[in-house]
N, C-alpha and C. Protein backbone atom coordinates (compact mmCIF):
# COMPACT_ATOMS: atom_id res chain seq x y z
N MET A 1 99.21 -269.27 -23.79
CA MET A 1 100.12 -268.45 -24.52
C MET A 1 100.43 -267.25 -23.64
N SER A 2 101.68 -266.84 -23.62
CA SER A 2 102.03 -265.67 -22.81
C SER A 2 103.15 -264.89 -23.47
N VAL A 3 103.26 -263.65 -23.07
CA VAL A 3 104.29 -262.76 -23.59
C VAL A 3 104.91 -262.01 -22.42
N SER A 4 106.18 -261.68 -22.54
CA SER A 4 106.83 -260.86 -21.52
C SER A 4 107.61 -259.76 -22.22
N GLY A 5 107.87 -258.69 -21.50
CA GLY A 5 108.66 -257.59 -22.03
C GLY A 5 107.85 -256.52 -22.74
N SER A 6 106.56 -256.72 -22.89
CA SER A 6 105.71 -255.73 -23.55
C SER A 6 105.07 -254.82 -22.51
N THR A 7 105.19 -253.52 -22.71
CA THR A 7 104.54 -252.57 -21.81
C THR A 7 103.41 -251.84 -22.53
N ALA A 8 103.08 -252.27 -23.75
CA ALA A 8 102.02 -251.64 -24.53
C ALA A 8 100.65 -251.95 -23.92
N ALA A 9 99.64 -251.21 -24.36
CA ALA A 9 98.30 -251.34 -23.81
C ALA A 9 97.60 -252.64 -24.20
N SER A 10 97.88 -253.16 -25.39
CA SER A 10 97.23 -254.39 -25.82
C SER A 10 98.18 -255.23 -26.66
N ARG A 11 97.82 -256.50 -26.81
CA ARG A 11 98.63 -257.44 -27.59
C ARG A 11 97.70 -258.31 -28.41
N THR A 12 98.15 -258.65 -29.63
CA THR A 12 97.39 -259.57 -30.47
C THR A 12 98.16 -260.88 -30.53
N PHE A 13 97.50 -261.95 -30.09
CA PHE A 13 98.06 -263.30 -30.12
C PHE A 13 97.52 -263.99 -31.36
N GLN A 14 98.40 -264.43 -32.25
CA GLN A 14 97.97 -265.16 -33.45
C GLN A 14 98.59 -266.54 -33.42
N LEU A 15 97.73 -267.57 -33.32
CA LEU A 15 98.17 -268.95 -33.21
C LEU A 15 97.88 -269.67 -34.52
N SER A 16 98.86 -270.44 -34.99
CA SER A 16 98.67 -271.23 -36.21
C SER A 16 99.02 -272.69 -35.95
N VAL A 17 98.37 -273.55 -36.73
CA VAL A 17 98.67 -274.98 -36.72
C VAL A 17 99.06 -275.34 -38.14
N ASP A 18 100.29 -275.80 -38.30
CA ASP A 18 100.82 -276.16 -39.62
C ASP A 18 100.67 -275.02 -40.62
N GLY A 19 100.86 -273.78 -40.16
CA GLY A 19 100.83 -272.62 -41.03
C GLY A 19 99.46 -272.00 -41.24
N THR A 20 98.41 -272.62 -40.73
CA THR A 20 97.06 -272.08 -40.87
C THR A 20 96.64 -271.41 -39.56
N VAL A 21 96.27 -270.14 -39.63
CA VAL A 21 95.86 -269.42 -38.43
C VAL A 21 94.55 -270.00 -37.90
N VAL A 22 94.56 -270.38 -36.61
CA VAL A 22 93.38 -270.96 -35.99
C VAL A 22 92.79 -270.05 -34.92
N SER A 23 93.55 -269.04 -34.51
CA SER A 23 93.06 -268.11 -33.49
C SER A 23 93.81 -266.80 -33.59
N SER A 24 93.09 -265.71 -33.47
CA SER A 24 93.69 -264.39 -33.40
C SER A 24 92.87 -263.59 -32.41
N ARG A 25 93.51 -263.18 -31.31
CA ARG A 25 92.80 -262.45 -30.26
C ARG A 25 93.63 -261.27 -29.81
N THR A 26 92.96 -260.15 -29.62
CA THR A 26 93.60 -258.97 -29.06
C THR A 26 93.12 -258.80 -27.63
N VAL A 27 94.08 -258.72 -26.72
CA VAL A 27 93.76 -258.64 -25.29
C VAL A 27 94.63 -257.58 -24.63
N THR A 28 94.23 -257.14 -23.45
CA THR A 28 95.06 -256.21 -22.70
C THR A 28 95.97 -256.95 -21.73
N ALA A 29 95.74 -258.23 -21.54
CA ALA A 29 96.54 -259.05 -20.63
C ALA A 29 97.82 -259.52 -21.33
N THR A 30 98.69 -260.15 -20.58
CA THR A 30 99.91 -260.72 -21.15
C THR A 30 99.76 -262.20 -21.45
N THR A 31 98.53 -262.73 -21.29
CA THR A 31 98.26 -264.13 -21.60
C THR A 31 96.97 -264.24 -22.40
N ALA A 32 96.85 -265.33 -23.14
CA ALA A 32 95.63 -265.67 -23.85
C ALA A 32 95.56 -267.18 -23.92
N SER A 33 94.37 -267.73 -24.12
CA SER A 33 94.24 -269.18 -24.19
C SER A 33 93.45 -269.58 -25.43
N PHE A 34 93.64 -270.83 -25.82
CA PHE A 34 92.94 -271.39 -26.96
C PHE A 34 92.77 -272.87 -26.71
N ALA A 35 91.54 -273.36 -26.82
CA ALA A 35 91.27 -274.79 -26.67
C ALA A 35 91.33 -275.43 -28.05
N TRP A 36 92.32 -276.27 -28.27
CA TRP A 36 92.53 -276.88 -29.58
C TRP A 36 91.87 -278.24 -29.63
N ASN A 37 90.94 -278.42 -30.55
CA ASN A 37 90.28 -279.71 -30.77
C ASN A 37 91.19 -280.53 -31.68
N THR A 38 92.01 -281.38 -31.10
CA THR A 38 93.00 -282.14 -31.88
C THR A 38 92.37 -283.18 -32.78
N THR A 39 91.09 -283.49 -32.58
CA THR A 39 90.45 -284.47 -33.46
C THR A 39 90.22 -283.89 -34.86
N ALA A 40 90.43 -282.59 -35.03
CA ALA A 40 90.25 -281.96 -36.34
C ALA A 40 91.49 -282.12 -37.23
N VAL A 41 92.57 -282.66 -36.67
CA VAL A 41 93.80 -282.89 -37.45
C VAL A 41 94.17 -284.37 -37.39
N ALA A 42 94.98 -284.80 -38.34
CA ALA A 42 95.43 -286.19 -38.36
C ALA A 42 96.41 -286.45 -37.22
N ASN A 43 96.45 -287.69 -36.77
CA ASN A 43 97.47 -288.08 -35.81
C ASN A 43 98.84 -287.87 -36.44
N GLY A 44 99.81 -287.51 -35.63
CA GLY A 44 101.17 -287.31 -36.12
C GLY A 44 101.72 -285.96 -35.70
N SER A 45 102.80 -285.57 -36.34
CA SER A 45 103.53 -284.35 -36.00
C SER A 45 102.87 -283.11 -36.59
N HIS A 46 102.76 -282.07 -35.77
CA HIS A 46 102.19 -280.79 -36.19
C HIS A 46 103.02 -279.66 -35.59
N THR A 47 103.05 -278.53 -36.29
CA THR A 47 103.80 -277.37 -35.81
C THR A 47 102.82 -276.29 -35.36
N LEU A 48 102.97 -275.87 -34.10
CA LEU A 48 102.21 -274.76 -33.55
C LEU A 48 103.08 -273.52 -33.66
N GLY A 49 102.52 -272.46 -34.19
CA GLY A 49 103.25 -271.20 -34.30
C GLY A 49 102.50 -270.11 -33.58
N LEU A 50 103.21 -269.23 -32.91
CA LEU A 50 102.60 -268.12 -32.19
C LEU A 50 103.35 -266.84 -32.52
N THR A 51 102.60 -265.83 -32.92
CA THR A 51 103.16 -264.49 -33.11
C THR A 51 102.36 -263.54 -32.23
N VAL A 52 103.06 -262.77 -31.43
CA VAL A 52 102.41 -261.78 -30.58
C VAL A 52 102.89 -260.41 -31.04
N THR A 53 101.93 -259.52 -31.31
CA THR A 53 102.24 -258.16 -31.72
C THR A 53 101.58 -257.21 -30.73
N ASP A 54 102.37 -256.27 -30.18
CA ASP A 54 101.76 -255.34 -29.23
C ASP A 54 101.30 -254.08 -29.95
N SER A 55 100.55 -253.25 -29.23
CA SER A 55 99.97 -252.06 -29.84
C SER A 55 101.01 -251.03 -30.24
N ALA A 56 102.26 -251.22 -29.84
CA ALA A 56 103.36 -250.34 -30.26
C ALA A 56 104.01 -250.86 -31.54
N GLY A 57 103.51 -252.00 -32.06
CA GLY A 57 104.03 -252.55 -33.31
C GLY A 57 105.19 -253.52 -33.16
N ARG A 58 105.59 -253.80 -31.93
CA ARG A 58 106.66 -254.78 -31.71
C ARG A 58 106.08 -256.18 -31.73
N SER A 59 106.86 -257.14 -32.25
CA SER A 59 106.33 -258.51 -32.31
C SER A 59 107.42 -259.52 -31.99
N GLY A 60 106.96 -260.69 -31.62
CA GLY A 60 107.82 -261.82 -31.34
C GLY A 60 107.12 -263.09 -31.77
N SER A 61 107.89 -264.09 -32.17
CA SER A 61 107.32 -265.35 -32.64
C SER A 61 108.03 -266.53 -32.02
N ALA A 62 107.30 -267.63 -31.93
CA ALA A 62 107.87 -268.89 -31.44
C ALA A 62 107.10 -270.02 -32.09
N SER A 63 107.73 -271.18 -32.18
CA SER A 63 107.04 -272.35 -32.71
C SER A 63 107.45 -273.58 -31.92
N ARG A 64 106.57 -274.55 -31.90
CA ARG A 64 106.81 -275.82 -31.22
C ARG A 64 106.23 -276.93 -32.07
N THR A 65 106.90 -278.06 -32.09
CA THR A 65 106.38 -279.24 -32.76
C THR A 65 105.74 -280.13 -31.70
N VAL A 66 104.54 -280.58 -31.99
CA VAL A 66 103.81 -281.46 -31.07
C VAL A 66 103.37 -282.70 -31.82
N THR A 67 103.12 -283.77 -31.10
CA THR A 67 102.62 -285.00 -31.69
C THR A 67 101.21 -285.24 -31.20
N VAL A 68 100.29 -285.36 -32.15
CA VAL A 68 98.89 -285.63 -31.83
C VAL A 68 98.66 -287.12 -31.92
N SER A 69 98.00 -287.68 -30.92
CA SER A 69 97.67 -289.10 -30.91
C SER A 69 96.28 -289.26 -30.31
N ASN A 70 95.28 -289.15 -31.15
CA ASN A 70 93.90 -289.32 -30.71
C ASN A 70 93.56 -290.81 -30.77
N ALA A 71 93.31 -291.37 -29.63
CA ALA A 71 92.98 -292.80 -29.57
C ALA A 71 91.55 -293.02 -30.04
N ALA A 72 91.34 -294.11 -30.71
CA ALA A 72 90.00 -294.48 -31.13
C ALA A 72 89.17 -294.80 -29.89
N PRO A 73 87.91 -294.43 -29.88
CA PRO A 73 87.08 -294.72 -28.71
C PRO A 73 86.94 -296.23 -28.50
N THR A 74 86.91 -296.62 -27.25
CA THR A 74 86.73 -298.02 -26.90
C THR A 74 85.27 -298.39 -27.10
N PRO A 75 84.97 -299.44 -27.83
CA PRO A 75 83.56 -299.81 -28.03
C PRO A 75 82.90 -300.18 -26.71
N LEU A 76 81.67 -299.83 -26.59
CA LEU A 76 80.89 -300.17 -25.40
C LEU A 76 80.32 -301.58 -25.57
N THR A 77 80.56 -302.43 -24.60
CA THR A 77 80.01 -303.79 -24.65
C THR A 77 79.20 -304.04 -23.39
N ALA A 78 78.23 -304.88 -23.53
CA ALA A 78 77.39 -305.21 -22.37
C ALA A 78 77.23 -306.71 -22.27
């Protein structure tokens, strides 16, 4: 996740999956990361939403639709 155009001292990155907030982090950098365990959601279409608010109170939002396809593990045979 990244933001541009902010000159404030810190930014809060709030990430949601299908409208449920899964991460909220305040950082001084212009980037933040989140490792999403996709096995916690059903296969299919999901909406990721990101809102970034800087310490000056300015905010911006974006969303993306992604498709999750967790393959079933291959059975071990000997």
